[in-house]
Amino acid sequence: MKLMIASDIHGSAYYCERMLEAYRREGAKKLLLLGDILYHGPRNDLPRDYAPKRVIAMLNEVRREVLCVRGNCDTEVDQMVLAFPVLADYCILLAGGRTVYATHGHVYNEGKLPPLSRGDVLLHGHTHVPACVEHEEYVYINPGSVSIPKEDSPNGYILMNGDTLEWKTLDGEVYKSYTL
């Protein structure tokens, strides 16, 4: 099953729309959002076309296809306006014979690991920097940010198809790939 993984929309209607266009173009069955959906946060500049109400409307249209974990900028108020669960701290996926622990990254990350077993995958956003790091015990993966990428990374996402992951720009250009 194709799964699109994205993080850190931060209320940008422009980039949310581009992300959803990419989601449709990719033919993914589900969209996994790794948090920070509506609010830009006090440490970030306003993203392009900051319009959380428009983001709400766009995401609610695809609510049956969205899986989501809570980011450090997501609150109970956000849950009141979004028509899909957004307050789970993590979710567990199975891919390529591995357990994938998906979270935002502000609680569990490379510096504070969740309960992983050897060979598991830690998947999180939060840093706004795409990553794929093979550690001795686990693999760390980050899709980067949809709207506020950092360290000269592109606005992008990951497409997971079976055990293959591709980091892509919002235009669909592959710039990194990894097989679990």
N, C-alpha and C. Protein backbone atom coordinates (compact mmCIF):
# COMPACT_ATOMS: atom_id res chain seq x y z
N MET A 1 0.84 -1.18 0.00
CA MET A 1 0.00 0.00 0.00
C MET A 1 0.88 1.25 0.00
N LYS A 2 0.54 2.19 -0.86
CA LYS A 2 1.26 3.47 -0.89
C LYS A 2 0.78 4.36 0.24
N LEU A 3 1.75 4.93 0.94
CA LEU A 3 1.48 5.84 2.05
C LEU A 3 2.30 7.09 1.84
N MET A 4 1.65 8.25 1.88
CA MET A 4 2.37 9.51 1.82
C MET A 4 2.58 10.01 3.24
N ILE A 5 3.81 10.41 3.55
CA ILE A 5 4.16 10.87 4.89
C ILE A 5 4.62 12.32 4.80
N ALA A 6 3.96 13.19 5.57
CA ALA A 6 4.29 14.61 5.53
C ALA A 6 4.25 15.18 6.94
N SER A 7 4.91 16.30 7.13
CA SER A 7 4.97 16.90 8.45
C SER A 7 5.06 18.42 8.36
N ASP A 8 4.65 19.06 9.42
CA ASP A 8 4.88 20.49 9.62
C ASP A 8 4.30 21.38 8.53
N ILE A 9 2.97 21.32 8.38
CA ILE A 9 2.25 22.20 7.46
C ILE A 9 2.20 23.62 8.05
N HIS A 10 2.05 23.72 9.35
CA HIS A 10 2.06 25.00 10.08
C HIS A 10 1.08 26.04 9.53
N GLY A 11 -0.12 25.59 9.13
CA GLY A 11 -1.16 26.53 8.74
C GLY A 11 -1.03 27.15 7.37
N SER A 12 -0.11 26.67 6.54
CA SER A 12 0.09 27.22 5.21
C SER A 12 -0.91 26.62 4.21
N ALA A 13 -1.87 27.42 3.78
CA ALA A 13 -2.85 26.95 2.80
C ALA A 13 -2.16 26.66 1.46
N TYR A 14 -1.20 27.49 1.10
CA TYR A 14 -0.48 27.30 -0.16
C TYR A 14 0.20 25.93 -0.19
N TYR A 15 0.98 25.62 0.85
CA TYR A 15 1.72 24.36 0.85
C TYR A 15 0.83 23.16 1.15
N CYS A 16 -0.24 23.35 1.91
CA CYS A 16 -1.19 22.26 2.13
C CYS A 16 -1.85 21.86 0.81
N GLU A 17 -2.23 22.86 0.03
CA GLU A 17 -2.84 22.57 -1.28
C GLU A 17 -1.85 21.83 -2.19
N ARG A 18 -0.60 22.27 -2.19
CA ARG A 18 0.42 21.59 -3.01
C ARG A 18 0.66 20.17 -2.52
N MET A 19 0.66 19.97 -1.21
CA MET A 19 0.83 18.64 -0.64
C MET A 19 -0.32 17.73 -1.07
N LEU A 20 -1.55 18.24 -1.01
CA LEU A 20 -2.70 17.43 -1.40
C LEU A 20 -2.71 17.15 -2.90
N GLU A 21 -2.23 18.07 -3.71
CA GLU A 21 -2.07 17.80 -5.14
C GLU A 21 -1.08 16.65 -5.35
N ALA A 22 0.02 16.68 -4.62
CA ALA A 22 1.02 15.60 -4.71
C ALA A 22 0.43 14.29 -4.24
N TYR A 23 -0.35 14.33 -3.17
CA TYR A 23 -1.01 13.13 -2.64
C TYR A 23 -1.90 12.49 -3.72
N ARG A 24 -2.69 13.29 -4.38
CA ARG A 24 -3.56 12.76 -5.44
C ARG A 24 -2.74 12.24 -6.62
N ARG A 25 -1.73 12.98 -7.02
CA ARG A 25 -0.86 12.58 -8.14
C ARG A 25 -0.16 11.26 -7.84
N GLU A 26 0.26 11.05 -6.60
CA GLU A 26 0.98 9.83 -6.22
C GLU A 26 0.07 8.61 -6.14
N GLY A 27 -1.23 8.82 -5.97
CA GLY A 27 -2.15 7.69 -5.85
C GLY A 27 -2.00 6.94 -4.53
N ALA A 28 -1.55 7.64 -3.49
CA ALA A 28 -1.39 7.02 -2.18
C ALA A 28 -2.76 6.71 -1.59
N LYS A 29 -2.82 5.67 -0.75
CA LYS A 29 -4.09 5.27 -0.13
C LYS A 29 -4.34 6.01 1.17
N LYS A 30 -3.27 6.39 1.86
CA LYS A 30 -3.39 7.12 3.13
C LYS A 30 -2.35 8.23 3.18
N LEU A 31 -2.66 9.25 3.97
CA LEU A 31 -1.77 10.37 4.20
C LEU A 31 -1.47 10.40 5.70
N LEU A 32 -0.20 10.15 6.06
CA LEU A 32 0.22 10.19 7.46
C LEU A 32 0.84 11.56 7.73
N LEU A 33 0.21 12.32 8.63
CA LEU A 33 0.71 13.64 9.01
C LEU A 33 1.40 13.52 10.36
N LEU A 34 2.64 13.99 10.42
CA LEU A 34 3.45 13.87 11.64
C LEU A 34 3.39 15.13 12.49
N GLY A 35 2.26 15.81 12.51
CA GLY A 35 2.03 16.90 13.43
C GLY A 35 2.35 18.30 12.93
N ASP A 36 2.04 19.27 13.79
CA ASP A 36 2.17 20.70 13.52
C ASP A 36 1.39 21.08 12.26
N ILE A 37 0.08 20.96 12.37
CA ILE A 37 -0.80 21.13 11.22
C ILE A 37 -1.25 22.58 11.02
N LEU A 38 -1.78 23.22 12.07
CA LEU A 38 -2.44 24.51 11.89
C LEU A 38 -1.63 25.72 12.36
N TYR A 39 -0.93 25.61 13.46
CA TYR A 39 -0.27 26.76 14.05
C TYR A 39 1.19 26.82 13.62
N HIS A 40 1.71 28.02 13.42
CA HIS A 40 3.09 28.17 12.95
C HIS A 40 4.13 28.10 14.06
N GLY A 41 3.71 28.29 15.30
CA GLY A 41 4.64 28.22 16.43
C GLY A 41 5.41 29.51 16.62
N PRO A 42 5.82 29.81 17.83
CA PRO A 42 6.49 31.08 18.12
C PRO A 42 7.91 31.17 17.59
N ARG A 43 8.53 30.04 17.25
CA ARG A 43 9.92 30.07 16.78
C ARG A 43 10.03 30.19 15.27
N ASN A 44 8.91 30.02 14.56
CA ASN A 44 8.93 30.06 13.10
C ASN A 44 8.31 31.34 12.58
N ASP A 45 8.81 31.81 11.44
CA ASP A 45 8.14 32.90 10.75
C ASP A 45 6.83 32.37 10.18
N LEU A 46 5.92 33.27 9.87
CA LEU A 46 4.68 32.84 9.23
C LEU A 46 5.00 32.19 7.89
N PRO A 47 4.43 31.02 7.63
CA PRO A 47 4.66 30.40 6.33
C PRO A 47 3.84 31.11 5.25
N ARG A 48 4.18 30.83 4.02
CA ARG A 48 3.47 31.41 2.88
C ARG A 48 1.98 31.11 2.97
N ASP A 49 1.15 32.12 2.77
CA ASP A 49 -0.30 32.00 2.76
C ASP A 49 -0.81 31.34 4.04
N TYR A 50 -0.40 31.88 5.19
CA TYR A 50 -0.84 31.35 6.48
C TYR A 50 -2.34 31.55 6.61
N ALA A 51 -3.09 30.46 6.56
CA ALA A 51 -4.55 30.52 6.60
C ALA A 51 -5.07 29.21 7.19
N PRO A 52 -4.96 29.04 8.50
CA PRO A 52 -5.37 27.78 9.14
C PRO A 52 -6.79 27.34 8.82
N LYS A 53 -7.72 28.28 8.69
CA LYS A 53 -9.11 27.88 8.38
C LYS A 53 -9.21 27.22 7.01
N ARG A 54 -8.43 27.67 6.06
CA ARG A 54 -8.42 27.02 4.74
C ARG A 54 -7.77 25.64 4.83
N VAL A 55 -6.72 25.51 5.64
CA VAL A 55 -6.08 24.20 5.84
C VAL A 55 -7.09 23.23 6.47
N ILE A 56 -7.84 23.70 7.45
CA ILE A 56 -8.87 22.87 8.08
C ILE A 56 -9.83 22.33 7.03
N ALA A 57 -10.35 23.21 6.18
CA ALA A 57 -11.32 22.81 5.16
C ALA A 57 -10.71 21.79 4.19
N MET A 58 -9.46 22.03 3.75
CA MET A 58 -8.82 21.10 2.80
C MET A 58 -8.61 19.72 3.42
N LEU A 59 -8.11 19.69 4.65
CA LEU A 59 -7.82 18.40 5.28
C LEU A 59 -9.09 17.66 5.69
N ASN A 60 -10.12 18.39 6.10
CA ASN A 60 -11.37 17.74 6.45
C ASN A 60 -12.02 17.06 5.25
N GLU A 61 -11.75 17.55 4.05
CA GLU A 61 -12.28 16.90 2.84
C GLU A 61 -11.70 15.50 2.64
N VAL A 62 -10.49 15.26 3.12
CA VAL A 62 -9.84 13.95 2.96
C VAL A 62 -9.72 13.20 4.29
N ARG A 63 -10.57 13.56 5.24
CA ARG A 63 -10.47 13.04 6.61
C ARG A 63 -10.42 11.52 6.70
N ARG A 64 -11.06 10.80 5.81
CA ARG A 64 -11.08 9.34 5.86
C ARG A 64 -9.75 8.73 5.41
N GLU A 65 -8.91 9.54 4.81
CA GLU A 65 -7.62 9.06 4.31
C GLU A 65 -6.45 9.50 5.17
N VAL A 66 -6.72 10.28 6.22
CA VAL A 66 -5.66 10.87 7.03
C VAL A 66 -5.41 10.08 8.31
N LEU A 67 -4.15 9.79 8.55
CA LEU A 67 -3.67 9.30 9.84
C LEU A 67 -2.82 10.44 10.40
N CYS A 68 -2.81 10.62 11.71
CA CYS A 68 -2.13 11.80 12.23
C CYS A 68 -1.61 11.56 13.64
N VAL A 69 -0.47 12.16 13.95
CA VAL A 69 0.04 12.23 15.31
C VAL A 69 0.16 13.70 15.70
N ARG A 70 0.16 13.94 17.00
CA ARG A 70 0.16 15.30 17.54
C ARG A 70 1.56 15.90 17.52
N GLY A 71 1.65 17.13 17.05
CA GLY A 71 2.89 17.88 17.12
C GLY A 71 2.90 18.81 18.31
N ASN A 72 4.04 19.43 18.58
CA ASN A 72 4.13 20.34 19.72
C ASN A 72 3.29 21.60 19.53
N CYS A 73 2.87 21.91 18.32
CA CYS A 73 2.01 23.08 18.07
C CYS A 73 0.53 22.71 17.96
N ASP A 74 0.19 21.43 18.10
CA ASP A 74 -1.19 20.98 17.98
C ASP A 74 -1.84 20.90 19.36
N THR A 75 -3.12 21.34 19.44
CA THR A 75 -3.81 21.42 20.73
C THR A 75 -5.21 20.82 20.65
N GLU A 76 -5.87 20.78 21.80
CA GLU A 76 -7.24 20.28 21.85
C GLU A 76 -8.18 21.14 21.02
N VAL A 77 -7.89 22.41 20.91
CA VAL A 77 -8.71 23.30 20.08
C VAL A 77 -8.64 22.85 18.62
N ASP A 78 -7.45 22.43 18.17
CA ASP A 78 -7.31 21.93 16.80
C ASP A 78 -8.20 20.71 16.58
N GLN A 79 -8.28 19.83 17.60
CA GLN A 79 -9.11 18.65 17.47
C GLN A 79 -10.58 19.01 17.32
N MET A 80 -10.99 20.14 17.88
CA MET A 80 -12.38 20.58 17.78
C MET A 80 -12.77 20.96 16.36
N VAL A 81 -11.80 21.34 15.52
CA VAL A 81 -12.11 21.79 14.17
C VAL A 81 -11.68 20.80 13.08
N LEU A 82 -10.82 19.86 13.42
CA LEU A 82 -10.38 18.86 12.45
C LEU A 82 -11.22 17.59 12.62
N ALA A 83 -11.65 17.00 11.52
CA ALA A 83 -12.59 15.88 11.54
C ALA A 83 -11.89 14.51 11.55
N PHE A 84 -10.65 14.47 11.98
CA PHE A 84 -9.90 13.22 12.11
C PHE A 84 -9.06 13.34 13.38
N PRO A 85 -8.70 12.22 14.01
CA PRO A 85 -7.93 12.29 15.26
C PRO A 85 -6.56 12.93 15.05
N VAL A 86 -6.20 13.89 15.92
CA VAL A 86 -4.91 14.59 15.80
C VAL A 86 -4.10 14.59 17.09
N LEU A 87 -4.62 14.01 18.17
CA LEU A 87 -3.96 14.16 19.46
C LEU A 87 -3.19 12.93 19.95
N ALA A 88 -3.03 11.91 19.13
CA ALA A 88 -2.23 10.75 19.53
C ALA A 88 -0.75 11.12 19.49
N ASP A 89 -0.01 10.73 20.51
CA ASP A 89 1.41 11.05 20.56
C ASP A 89 2.23 10.22 19.58
N TYR A 90 1.71 9.08 19.17
CA TYR A 90 2.43 8.22 18.22
C TYR A 90 1.46 7.25 17.58
N CYS A 91 1.92 6.60 16.54
CA CYS A 91 1.21 5.46 15.97
C CYS A 91 2.26 4.44 15.53
N ILE A 92 1.84 3.20 15.45
CA ILE A 92 2.72 2.10 15.07
C ILE A 92 2.28 1.58 13.70
N LEU A 93 3.24 1.45 12.79
CA LEU A 93 2.99 0.90 11.45
C LEU A 93 3.92 -0.29 11.25
N LEU A 94 3.56 -1.17 10.34
CA LEU A 94 4.42 -2.26 9.95
C LEU A 94 4.78 -2.06 8.48
N ALA A 95 6.07 -2.12 8.17
CA ALA A 95 6.52 -1.92 6.79
C ALA A 95 7.84 -2.65 6.57
N GLY A 96 7.92 -3.39 5.49
CA GLY A 96 9.16 -4.07 5.16
C GLY A 96 9.61 -5.02 6.26
N GLY A 97 8.67 -5.62 6.98
CA GLY A 97 9.02 -6.53 8.06
C GLY A 97 9.53 -5.83 9.30
N ARG A 98 9.39 -4.51 9.35
CA ARG A 98 9.87 -3.73 10.50
C ARG A 98 8.70 -3.01 11.17
N THR A 99 8.88 -2.70 12.42
CA THR A 99 7.94 -1.85 13.14
C THR A 99 8.39 -0.40 12.97
N VAL A 100 7.45 0.44 12.58
CA VAL A 100 7.73 1.86 12.41
C VAL A 100 7.00 2.61 13.52
N TYR A 101 7.77 3.32 14.34
CA TYR A 101 7.23 4.12 15.43
C TYR A 101 7.15 5.55 14.91
N ALA A 102 5.94 6.00 14.59
CA ALA A 102 5.74 7.33 14.01
C ALA A 102 5.28 8.30 15.09
N THR A 103 5.96 9.42 15.20
CA THR A 103 5.67 10.43 16.20
C THR A 103 6.10 11.79 15.64
N HIS A 104 5.85 12.86 16.38
CA HIS A 104 6.24 14.17 15.86
C HIS A 104 7.72 14.45 16.02
N GLY A 105 8.28 14.08 17.16
CA GLY A 105 9.71 14.29 17.38
C GLY A 105 10.05 15.21 18.54
N HIS A 106 9.06 15.84 19.11
CA HIS A 106 9.34 16.74 20.24
C HIS A 106 9.42 15.99 21.57
N VAL A 107 8.85 14.80 21.64
CA VAL A 107 8.94 13.98 22.85
C VAL A 107 9.95 12.85 22.62
N TYR A 108 9.70 12.05 21.60
CA TYR A 108 10.61 10.96 21.24
C TYR A 108 11.38 11.34 20.00
N ASN A 109 12.70 11.11 20.04
CA ASN A 109 13.59 11.47 18.94
C ASN A 109 14.90 10.72 19.12
N GLU A 110 15.92 11.07 18.34
CA GLU A 110 17.21 10.37 18.45
C GLU A 110 17.84 10.55 19.83
N GLY A 111 17.53 11.63 20.51
CA GLY A 111 18.08 11.87 21.84
C GLY A 111 17.29 11.22 22.96
N LYS A 112 16.05 10.90 22.70
CA LYS A 112 15.18 10.23 23.69
C LYS A 112 14.33 9.22 22.93
N LEU A 113 14.80 8.00 22.89
CA LEU A 113 14.15 6.96 22.09
C LEU A 113 12.90 6.40 22.74
N PRO A 114 11.91 6.07 21.92
CA PRO A 114 10.76 5.30 22.42
C PRO A 114 11.23 3.85 22.60
N PRO A 115 10.36 2.98 23.08
CA PRO A 115 10.76 1.58 23.26
C PRO A 115 10.88 0.84 21.93
N LEU A 116 12.03 0.96 21.29
CA LEU A 116 12.29 0.32 20.00
C LEU A 116 13.02 -1.00 20.20
N SER A 117 12.77 -1.93 19.28
CA SER A 117 13.54 -3.17 19.22
C SER A 117 14.56 -3.05 18.10
N ARG A 118 15.54 -3.91 18.12
CA ARG A 118 16.58 -3.89 17.08
C ARG A 118 15.94 -3.98 15.69
N GLY A 119 16.33 -3.07 14.82
CA GLY A 119 15.82 -3.05 13.45
C GLY A 119 14.58 -2.19 13.24
N ASP A 120 13.99 -1.67 14.32
CA ASP A 120 12.80 -0.82 14.18
C ASP A 120 13.15 0.52 13.53
N VAL A 121 12.11 1.24 13.16
CA VAL A 121 12.26 2.55 12.52
C VAL A 121 11.63 3.62 13.40
N LEU A 122 12.38 4.68 13.66
CA LEU A 122 11.86 5.87 14.33
C LEU A 122 11.58 6.90 13.23
N LEU A 123 10.32 7.23 13.05
CA LEU A 123 9.88 8.17 12.02
C LEU A 123 9.31 9.40 12.71
N HIS A 124 9.92 10.55 12.45
CA HIS A 124 9.34 11.78 13.00
C HIS A 124 9.69 12.99 12.17
N GLY A 125 8.90 14.06 12.38
CA GLY A 125 9.13 15.35 11.74
C GLY A 125 9.83 16.27 12.72
N HIS A 126 9.24 17.41 13.01
CA HIS A 126 9.65 18.37 14.02
C HIS A 126 10.89 19.20 13.67
N THR A 127 11.93 18.59 13.15
CA THR A 127 13.17 19.33 12.88
C THR A 127 13.11 20.11 11.58
N HIS A 128 12.18 19.75 10.70
CA HIS A 128 12.02 20.38 9.38
C HIS A 128 13.20 20.03 8.46
N VAL A 129 13.95 19.01 8.80
CA VAL A 129 15.12 18.60 8.02
C VAL A 129 14.96 17.13 7.63
N PRO A 130 14.92 16.82 6.33
CA PRO A 130 14.82 15.43 5.91
C PRO A 130 16.03 14.63 6.39
N ALA A 131 15.77 13.36 6.76
CA ALA A 131 16.87 12.54 7.27
C ALA A 131 16.60 11.06 7.05
N CYS A 132 17.69 10.33 6.94
CA CYS A 132 17.67 8.87 6.93
C CYS A 132 19.01 8.44 7.51
N VAL A 133 18.98 7.99 8.77
CA VAL A 133 20.21 7.65 9.47
C VAL A 133 20.10 6.23 9.99
N GLU A 134 21.01 5.38 9.56
CA GLU A 134 21.04 4.00 10.05
C GLU A 134 21.90 3.94 11.31
N HIS A 135 21.26 3.74 12.43
CA HIS A 135 21.95 3.54 13.69
C HIS A 135 22.16 2.04 13.88
N GLU A 136 22.97 1.67 14.83
CA GLU A 136 23.24 0.25 15.07
C GLU A 136 21.97 -0.52 15.42
N GLU A 137 21.09 0.10 16.21
CA GLU A 137 19.89 -0.59 16.69
C GLU A 137 18.62 -0.25 15.91
N TYR A 138 18.58 0.90 15.25
CA TYR A 138 17.36 1.35 14.60
C TYR A 138 17.70 2.29 13.44
N VAL A 139 16.68 2.62 12.66
CA VAL A 139 16.82 3.59 11.57
C VAL A 139 15.96 4.80 11.89
N TYR A 140 16.54 5.99 11.75
CA TYR A 140 15.82 7.25 11.96
C TYR A 140 15.47 7.85 10.60
N ILE A 141 14.18 8.19 10.43
CA ILE A 141 13.70 8.75 9.17
C ILE A 141 12.88 10.00 9.45
N ASN A 142 13.07 11.04 8.64
CA ASN A 142 12.35 12.30 8.77
C ASN A 142 11.99 12.80 7.38
N PRO A 143 10.71 13.15 7.14
CA PRO A 143 10.32 13.64 5.81
C PRO A 143 10.68 15.10 5.55
N GLY A 144 11.14 15.83 6.57
CA GLY A 144 11.35 17.27 6.42
C GLY A 144 10.04 18.00 6.65
N SER A 145 9.89 19.16 6.06
CA SER A 145 8.70 19.98 6.28
C SER A 145 8.00 20.31 4.96
N VAL A 146 6.69 20.31 5.02
CA VAL A 146 5.89 20.72 3.86
C VAL A 146 6.04 22.22 3.62
N SER A 147 6.00 23.03 4.70
CA SER A 147 5.91 24.48 4.50
C SER A 147 7.10 25.31 4.97
N ILE A 148 7.87 24.81 5.94
CA ILE A 148 8.98 25.61 6.47
C ILE A 148 10.24 24.73 6.54
N PRO A 149 10.78 24.32 5.40
CA PRO A 149 11.97 23.47 5.43
C PRO A 149 13.18 24.24 5.96
N LYS A 150 14.08 23.50 6.58
CA LYS A 150 15.28 24.12 7.14
C LYS A 150 16.53 23.47 6.56
N GLU A 151 17.66 24.14 6.77
CA GLU A 151 18.97 23.69 6.29
C GLU A 151 18.98 23.46 4.77
N ASP A 152 18.38 24.39 4.05
CA ASP A 152 18.35 24.36 2.57
C ASP A 152 17.70 23.11 2.00
N SER A 153 16.81 22.48 2.75
CA SER A 153 16.09 21.31 2.23
C SER A 153 14.85 21.78 1.48
N PRO A 154 14.31 20.92 0.61
CA PRO A 154 13.12 21.32 -0.15
C PRO A 154 11.83 21.14 0.64
N ASN A 155 10.79 21.83 0.23
CA ASN A 155 9.45 21.56 0.75
C ASN A 155 9.09 20.19 0.20
N GLY A 156 8.78 19.24 1.07
CA GLY A 156 8.57 17.91 0.54
C GLY A 156 7.90 16.94 1.48
N TYR A 157 8.00 15.66 1.10
CA TYR A 157 7.32 14.56 1.77
C TYR A 157 8.05 13.27 1.44
N ILE A 158 7.58 12.19 2.06
CA ILE A 158 8.07 10.84 1.74
C ILE A 158 6.91 10.05 1.15
N LEU A 159 7.20 9.29 0.11
CA LEU A 159 6.24 8.32 -0.40
C LEU A 159 6.77 6.94 0.00
N MET A 160 5.97 6.20 0.77
CA MET A 160 6.33 4.85 1.16
C MET A 160 5.48 3.89 0.35
N ASN A 161 6.15 3.04 -0.40
CA ASN A 161 5.46 2.04 -1.21
C ASN A 161 6.05 0.69 -0.85
N GLY A 162 5.33 -0.06 0.01
CA GLY A 162 5.89 -1.30 0.53
C GLY A 162 7.05 -0.99 1.44
N ASP A 163 8.24 -1.50 1.09
CA ASP A 163 9.42 -1.24 1.93
C ASP A 163 10.34 -0.19 1.33
N THR A 164 9.88 0.50 0.28
CA THR A 164 10.68 1.54 -0.36
C THR A 164 10.19 2.92 0.03
N LEU A 165 11.12 3.77 0.44
CA LEU A 165 10.80 5.15 0.79
C LEU A 165 11.50 6.07 -0.20
N GLU A 166 10.75 7.07 -0.68
CA GLU A 166 11.32 8.09 -1.56
C GLU A 166 11.02 9.46 -0.99
N TRP A 167 12.06 10.25 -0.79
CA TRP A 167 11.91 11.65 -0.38
C TRP A 167 11.69 12.44 -1.65
N LYS A 168 10.61 13.23 -1.69
CA LYS A 168 10.26 13.96 -2.89
C LYS A 168 9.98 15.42 -2.59
N THR A 169 10.26 16.26 -3.58
CA THR A 169 9.82 17.65 -3.50
C THR A 169 8.32 17.68 -3.77
N LEU A 170 7.67 18.79 -3.48
CA LEU A 170 6.24 18.88 -3.75
C LEU A 170 5.92 18.78 -5.23
N ASP A 171 6.91 18.96 -6.08
CA ASP A 171 6.73 18.77 -7.53
C ASP A 171 6.87 17.31 -7.93
N GLY A 172 7.22 16.42 -6.99
CA GLY A 172 7.34 15.00 -7.27
C GLY A 172 8.72 14.52 -7.64
N GLU A 173 9.72 15.42 -7.56
CA GLU A 173 11.09 15.04 -7.89
C GLU A 173 11.71 14.25 -6.74
N VAL A 174 12.21 13.05 -7.04
CA VAL A 174 12.86 12.21 -6.04
C VAL A 174 14.26 12.74 -5.80
N TYR A 175 14.62 12.97 -4.53
CA TYR A 175 15.98 13.40 -4.24
C TYR A 175 16.70 12.47 -3.27
N LYS A 176 16.00 11.47 -2.75
CA LYS A 176 16.62 10.47 -1.87
C LYS A 176 15.70 9.27 -1.83
N SER A 177 16.29 8.07 -1.71
CA SER A 177 15.47 6.88 -1.53
C SER A 177 16.17 5.91 -0.59
N TYR A 178 15.37 5.01 -0.01
CA TYR A 178 15.88 4.06 0.98
C TYR A 178 14.96 2.85 0.98
N THR A 179 15.53 1.67 1.13
CA THR A 179 14.75 0.45 1.24
C THR A 179 14.91 -0.11 2.63
N LEU A 180 13.77 -0.38 3.28
CA LEU A 180 13.79 -0.94 4.63
C LEU A 180 14.29 -2.38 4.61
